N, C-alpha and C. Protein backbone atom coordinates (compact mmCIF):
# COMPACT_ATOMS: atom_id res chain seq x y z
N MET A 1 -42.85 7.80 22.76
CA MET A 1 -42.67 6.38 22.98
C MET A 1 -42.30 5.67 21.68
N GLU A 2 -42.94 6.11 20.59
CA GLU A 2 -42.64 5.48 19.30
C GLU A 2 -41.19 5.71 18.90
N MET A 3 -40.67 6.89 19.19
CA MET A 3 -39.28 7.18 18.83
C MET A 3 -38.32 6.33 19.66
N LEU A 4 -38.67 6.09 20.92
CA LEU A 4 -37.85 5.24 21.77
C LEU A 4 -37.83 3.81 21.23
N LEU A 5 -38.99 3.30 20.84
CA LEU A 5 -39.05 1.95 20.27
C LEU A 5 -38.29 1.87 18.95
N MET A 6 -38.40 2.93 18.13
CA MET A 6 -37.67 2.95 16.86
C MET A 6 -36.17 2.95 17.11
N GLY A 7 -35.71 3.71 18.09
CA GLY A 7 -34.29 3.73 18.42
C GLY A 7 -33.80 2.38 18.91
N ILE A 8 -34.61 1.71 19.73
CA ILE A 8 -34.25 0.38 20.22
C ILE A 8 -34.18 -0.61 19.07
N CYS A 9 -35.15 -0.56 18.15
CA CYS A 9 -35.15 -1.48 17.00
C CYS A 9 -33.93 -1.25 16.10
N ILE A 10 -33.60 0.00 15.85
CA ILE A 10 -32.44 0.30 15.01
C ILE A 10 -31.16 -0.16 15.71
N SER A 11 -31.08 0.04 17.03
CA SER A 11 -29.90 -0.40 17.78
C SER A 11 -29.75 -1.91 17.74
N LEU A 12 -30.87 -2.63 17.88
CA LEU A 12 -30.81 -4.09 17.82
C LEU A 12 -30.42 -4.57 16.43
N PHE A 13 -30.94 -3.91 15.40
CA PHE A 13 -30.57 -4.28 14.03
C PHE A 13 -29.08 -4.04 13.81
N GLY A 14 -28.57 -2.91 14.28
CA GLY A 14 -27.14 -2.62 14.15
C GLY A 14 -26.29 -3.63 14.90
N MET A 15 -26.75 -4.02 16.08
CA MET A 15 -26.02 -5.02 16.86
C MET A 15 -26.01 -6.38 16.15
N ALA A 16 -27.13 -6.74 15.51
CA ALA A 16 -27.20 -8.01 14.78
C ALA A 16 -26.26 -7.99 13.58
N VAL A 17 -26.22 -6.88 12.87
CA VAL A 17 -25.32 -6.78 11.72
C VAL A 17 -23.87 -6.84 12.18
N THR A 18 -23.56 -6.18 13.28
CA THR A 18 -22.20 -6.21 13.82
C THR A 18 -21.81 -7.62 14.26
N ALA A 19 -22.74 -8.32 14.91
CA ALA A 19 -22.45 -9.68 15.36
C ALA A 19 -22.24 -10.60 14.16
N ALA A 20 -23.06 -10.43 13.11
CA ALA A 20 -22.90 -11.27 11.92
C ALA A 20 -21.54 -11.00 11.25
N ALA A 21 -21.16 -9.74 11.16
CA ALA A 21 -19.87 -9.41 10.54
C ALA A 21 -18.72 -9.94 11.38
N PHE A 22 -18.83 -9.84 12.71
CA PHE A 22 -17.77 -10.34 13.58
C PHE A 22 -17.64 -11.86 13.48
N SER A 23 -18.79 -12.55 13.43
CA SER A 23 -18.71 -14.01 13.35
C SER A 23 -18.16 -14.45 11.99
N ALA A 24 -18.48 -13.71 10.94
CA ALA A 24 -17.94 -14.06 9.62
C ALA A 24 -16.43 -13.81 9.58
N ALA A 25 -15.97 -12.79 10.28
CA ALA A 25 -14.55 -12.46 10.26
C ALA A 25 -13.73 -13.43 11.09
N THR A 26 -14.32 -13.99 12.13
CA THR A 26 -13.56 -14.86 13.02
C THR A 26 -13.80 -16.34 12.75
N ARG A 27 -14.60 -16.65 11.76
CA ARG A 27 -14.87 -18.04 11.43
C ARG A 27 -13.61 -18.71 10.89
N THR A 28 -13.34 -19.92 11.35
CA THR A 28 -12.18 -20.65 10.85
C THR A 28 -12.54 -21.35 9.57
N GLU A 29 -11.55 -21.51 8.73
CA GLU A 29 -11.77 -22.20 7.47
C GLU A 29 -12.02 -23.68 7.72
N SER A 30 -12.99 -24.22 7.04
CA SER A 30 -13.22 -25.66 7.16
C SER A 30 -12.14 -26.38 6.36
N PRO A 31 -11.67 -27.50 6.84
CA PRO A 31 -10.62 -28.19 6.10
C PRO A 31 -11.15 -28.68 4.75
N THR A 32 -10.34 -28.46 3.74
CA THR A 32 -10.75 -28.89 2.40
C THR A 32 -10.47 -30.37 2.25
N PRO A 33 -11.36 -31.09 1.56
CA PRO A 33 -11.11 -32.52 1.37
C PRO A 33 -9.89 -32.71 0.47
N GLU A 34 -9.15 -33.74 0.79
CA GLU A 34 -7.96 -34.00 0.00
C GLU A 34 -8.36 -34.49 -1.39
N VAL A 35 -7.66 -34.00 -2.37
CA VAL A 35 -7.93 -34.39 -3.75
C VAL A 35 -7.05 -35.58 -4.09
N GLN A 36 -7.67 -36.62 -4.56
CA GLN A 36 -6.93 -37.81 -4.95
C GLN A 36 -6.48 -37.65 -6.40
N PRO A 37 -5.22 -37.89 -6.70
CA PRO A 37 -4.78 -37.78 -8.09
C PRO A 37 -5.43 -38.87 -8.94
N GLU A 38 -5.73 -38.49 -10.18
CA GLU A 38 -6.38 -39.44 -11.07
C GLU A 38 -5.43 -40.54 -11.51
N SER A 39 -4.18 -40.21 -11.62
CA SER A 39 -3.21 -41.23 -12.02
C SER A 39 -2.00 -41.12 -11.10
N GLN A 40 -1.19 -42.13 -11.10
CA GLN A 40 -0.02 -42.17 -10.25
C GLN A 40 1.18 -41.49 -10.91
N ALA A 41 1.01 -40.93 -12.11
CA ALA A 41 2.11 -40.27 -12.80
C ALA A 41 2.48 -38.98 -12.06
N ALA A 42 3.75 -38.61 -12.17
CA ALA A 42 4.23 -37.38 -11.52
C ALA A 42 3.59 -36.17 -12.19
N PRO A 43 3.20 -35.18 -11.41
CA PRO A 43 2.60 -33.99 -12.02
C PRO A 43 3.62 -33.23 -12.85
N ALA A 44 3.13 -32.56 -13.88
CA ALA A 44 4.01 -31.80 -14.76
C ALA A 44 4.60 -30.62 -13.97
N ALA A 45 5.85 -30.32 -14.23
CA ALA A 45 6.52 -29.23 -13.53
C ALA A 45 5.96 -27.90 -14.01
N LEU A 46 5.66 -27.03 -13.07
CA LEU A 46 5.15 -25.71 -13.41
C LEU A 46 6.32 -24.79 -13.68
N PRO A 47 6.16 -23.81 -14.57
CA PRO A 47 7.25 -22.86 -14.80
C PRO A 47 7.45 -22.00 -13.57
N ALA A 48 8.65 -21.50 -13.41
CA ALA A 48 8.97 -20.67 -12.25
C ALA A 48 8.18 -19.38 -12.30
N ALA A 49 7.67 -18.96 -11.16
CA ALA A 49 6.90 -17.72 -11.09
C ALA A 49 7.86 -16.54 -11.13
N ASN A 50 7.69 -15.69 -12.11
CA ASN A 50 8.54 -14.51 -12.26
C ASN A 50 7.67 -13.26 -12.25
N PHE A 51 6.92 -13.08 -11.18
CA PHE A 51 5.98 -11.96 -11.12
C PHE A 51 6.71 -10.64 -11.15
N PHE A 52 7.80 -10.51 -10.40
CA PHE A 52 8.53 -9.26 -10.33
C PHE A 52 9.78 -9.28 -11.22
N ALA A 53 9.88 -10.20 -12.11
CA ALA A 53 11.06 -10.30 -12.95
C ALA A 53 11.06 -9.18 -13.98
N ASP A 54 12.25 -8.70 -14.29
CA ASP A 54 12.40 -7.66 -15.30
C ASP A 54 12.44 -8.36 -16.66
N ARG A 55 11.46 -8.08 -17.48
CA ARG A 55 11.37 -8.76 -18.78
C ARG A 55 12.52 -8.35 -19.70
N ARG A 56 12.97 -7.11 -19.60
CA ARG A 56 14.07 -6.67 -20.45
C ARG A 56 15.37 -7.39 -20.10
N ALA A 57 15.58 -7.65 -18.81
CA ALA A 57 16.81 -8.33 -18.40
C ALA A 57 16.79 -9.77 -18.90
N SER A 58 15.62 -10.40 -18.92
CA SER A 58 15.56 -11.77 -19.39
C SER A 58 15.68 -11.85 -20.90
N ALA A 59 15.43 -10.75 -21.61
CA ALA A 59 15.51 -10.74 -23.07
C ALA A 59 16.94 -10.51 -23.55
N GLY A 60 17.88 -10.33 -22.65
CA GLY A 60 19.27 -10.17 -23.05
C GLY A 60 19.72 -8.72 -23.07
N ALA A 61 18.83 -7.78 -22.73
CA ALA A 61 19.22 -6.38 -22.69
C ALA A 61 20.06 -6.13 -21.45
N PRO A 62 21.01 -5.20 -21.52
CA PRO A 62 21.84 -4.92 -20.33
C PRO A 62 20.99 -4.32 -19.22
N ALA A 63 21.34 -4.69 -18.00
CA ALA A 63 20.61 -4.18 -16.84
C ALA A 63 20.92 -2.69 -16.66
N ALA A 64 19.97 -1.97 -16.10
CA ALA A 64 20.16 -0.54 -15.86
C ALA A 64 21.29 -0.33 -14.85
N ALA A 65 22.03 0.76 -15.04
CA ALA A 65 23.14 1.05 -14.14
C ALA A 65 22.60 1.34 -12.75
N ARG A 66 23.23 0.77 -11.75
CA ARG A 66 22.79 0.98 -10.36
C ARG A 66 23.37 2.28 -9.83
N VAL A 67 22.53 2.99 -9.06
CA VAL A 67 22.95 4.23 -8.44
C VAL A 67 23.41 3.90 -7.03
N PRO A 68 24.57 4.37 -6.62
CA PRO A 68 25.05 4.08 -5.26
C PRO A 68 24.10 4.67 -4.22
N ILE A 69 23.99 3.99 -3.09
CA ILE A 69 23.08 4.41 -2.03
C ILE A 69 23.51 5.75 -1.46
N GLU A 70 24.81 6.05 -1.47
CA GLU A 70 25.29 7.33 -0.94
C GLU A 70 24.76 8.49 -1.78
N ALA A 71 24.70 8.30 -3.10
CA ALA A 71 24.19 9.36 -3.96
C ALA A 71 22.70 9.60 -3.69
N LEU A 72 21.96 8.54 -3.49
CA LEU A 72 20.54 8.70 -3.17
C LEU A 72 20.34 9.39 -1.83
N LEU A 73 21.15 9.02 -0.84
CA LEU A 73 21.05 9.66 0.47
C LEU A 73 21.39 11.14 0.40
N LEU A 74 22.38 11.51 -0.40
CA LEU A 74 22.72 12.92 -0.55
C LEU A 74 21.59 13.69 -1.21
N GLN A 75 20.95 13.11 -2.21
CA GLN A 75 19.81 13.76 -2.85
C GLN A 75 18.66 13.96 -1.87
N ILE A 76 18.40 12.95 -1.06
CA ILE A 76 17.31 13.06 -0.08
C ILE A 76 17.64 14.12 0.96
N GLU A 77 18.90 14.14 1.44
CA GLU A 77 19.30 15.14 2.43
C GLU A 77 19.17 16.55 1.87
N SER A 78 19.59 16.76 0.63
CA SER A 78 19.47 18.09 0.05
C SER A 78 18.00 18.47 -0.13
N HIS A 79 17.17 17.53 -0.49
CA HIS A 79 15.74 17.80 -0.63
C HIS A 79 15.14 18.20 0.72
N VAL A 80 15.52 17.49 1.77
CA VAL A 80 15.00 17.80 3.11
C VAL A 80 15.46 19.19 3.53
N ARG A 81 16.74 19.53 3.27
CA ARG A 81 17.24 20.86 3.62
C ARG A 81 16.48 21.95 2.88
N LEU A 82 16.22 21.74 1.59
CA LEU A 82 15.50 22.74 0.81
C LEU A 82 14.05 22.89 1.30
N GLU A 83 13.42 21.78 1.64
CA GLU A 83 12.05 21.84 2.16
C GLU A 83 12.01 22.55 3.51
N GLN A 84 13.01 22.29 4.36
CA GLN A 84 13.06 22.96 5.66
C GLN A 84 13.29 24.46 5.48
N ALA A 85 14.14 24.83 4.53
CA ALA A 85 14.37 26.26 4.27
C ALA A 85 13.10 26.92 3.76
N ALA A 86 12.36 26.23 2.92
CA ALA A 86 11.10 26.79 2.42
C ALA A 86 10.10 26.95 3.55
N ALA A 87 10.05 25.98 4.45
CA ALA A 87 9.13 26.06 5.59
C ALA A 87 9.52 27.21 6.52
N GLU A 88 10.82 27.39 6.76
CA GLU A 88 11.28 28.48 7.62
C GLU A 88 10.98 29.84 7.00
N SER A 89 11.16 29.97 5.69
CA SER A 89 10.85 31.25 5.04
C SER A 89 9.35 31.52 5.08
N PHE A 90 8.54 30.49 5.03
CA PHE A 90 7.09 30.68 5.15
C PHE A 90 6.72 31.11 6.56
N LEU A 91 7.41 30.55 7.56
CA LEU A 91 7.09 30.93 8.94
C LEU A 91 7.50 32.36 9.24
N VAL A 92 8.56 32.85 8.59
CA VAL A 92 9.01 34.22 8.82
C VAL A 92 7.99 35.20 8.24
N THR A 93 7.60 35.01 6.99
CA THR A 93 6.61 35.88 6.34
C THR A 93 5.59 35.00 5.62
N PRO A 94 4.53 34.58 6.32
CA PRO A 94 3.54 33.71 5.67
C PRO A 94 2.74 34.46 4.62
N SER A 95 2.62 33.84 3.45
CA SER A 95 1.78 34.39 2.39
C SER A 95 1.33 33.24 1.50
N ALA A 96 0.30 33.51 0.73
CA ALA A 96 -0.25 32.47 -0.15
C ALA A 96 0.73 32.11 -1.26
N THR A 97 1.52 33.08 -1.73
CA THR A 97 2.47 32.78 -2.81
C THR A 97 3.60 31.89 -2.32
N LEU A 98 4.07 32.12 -1.08
CA LEU A 98 5.11 31.24 -0.53
C LEU A 98 4.56 29.85 -0.24
N LEU A 99 3.29 29.79 0.14
CA LEU A 99 2.70 28.50 0.46
C LEU A 99 2.60 27.60 -0.77
N HIS A 100 2.32 28.19 -1.91
CA HIS A 100 2.11 27.40 -3.12
C HIS A 100 3.30 27.43 -4.07
N SER A 101 4.42 28.03 -3.68
CA SER A 101 5.59 28.07 -4.56
C SER A 101 6.39 26.79 -4.43
N ARG A 102 7.14 26.48 -5.46
CA ARG A 102 7.98 25.28 -5.48
C ARG A 102 9.36 25.61 -4.92
N THR A 103 10.00 24.57 -4.37
CA THR A 103 11.37 24.75 -3.89
C THR A 103 12.32 24.46 -5.05
N MET A 104 13.59 24.59 -4.79
CA MET A 104 14.59 24.33 -5.82
C MET A 104 14.95 22.86 -5.90
N SER A 105 14.25 22.02 -5.16
CA SER A 105 14.56 20.60 -5.14
C SER A 105 14.21 19.93 -6.47
N THR A 106 14.99 18.91 -6.81
CA THR A 106 14.71 18.18 -8.06
C THR A 106 13.55 17.22 -7.91
N PHE A 107 13.19 16.89 -6.65
CA PHE A 107 12.06 15.99 -6.42
C PHE A 107 10.77 16.77 -6.62
N VAL A 108 9.72 16.07 -7.04
CA VAL A 108 8.43 16.72 -7.22
C VAL A 108 7.79 16.93 -5.86
N ASN A 109 7.28 18.13 -5.60
CA ASN A 109 6.65 18.42 -4.32
C ASN A 109 5.24 17.89 -4.31
């Protein structure tokens, strides 16, 4: 009987924790009070956000040469072909050395 009561208590505690987490996750944000400006002067302009900007390009260094998308697609296709060939050779004669060997692909396995 004690084990049954302990199981019920633990289940109720778990249900309470789940309900609290669910209510916290679905709670809507309360509207923030509007902030009144201290003066009627126009706010100072903020600098532009350049989070993903290339610092070298902005310093006057030449941009890196772009690789055509066709060249990238050819590299990916050759990598896929080499990986498929390695998988097929493993299926023909499975061994631990074939499983852990590298392919001839230039990409890191």
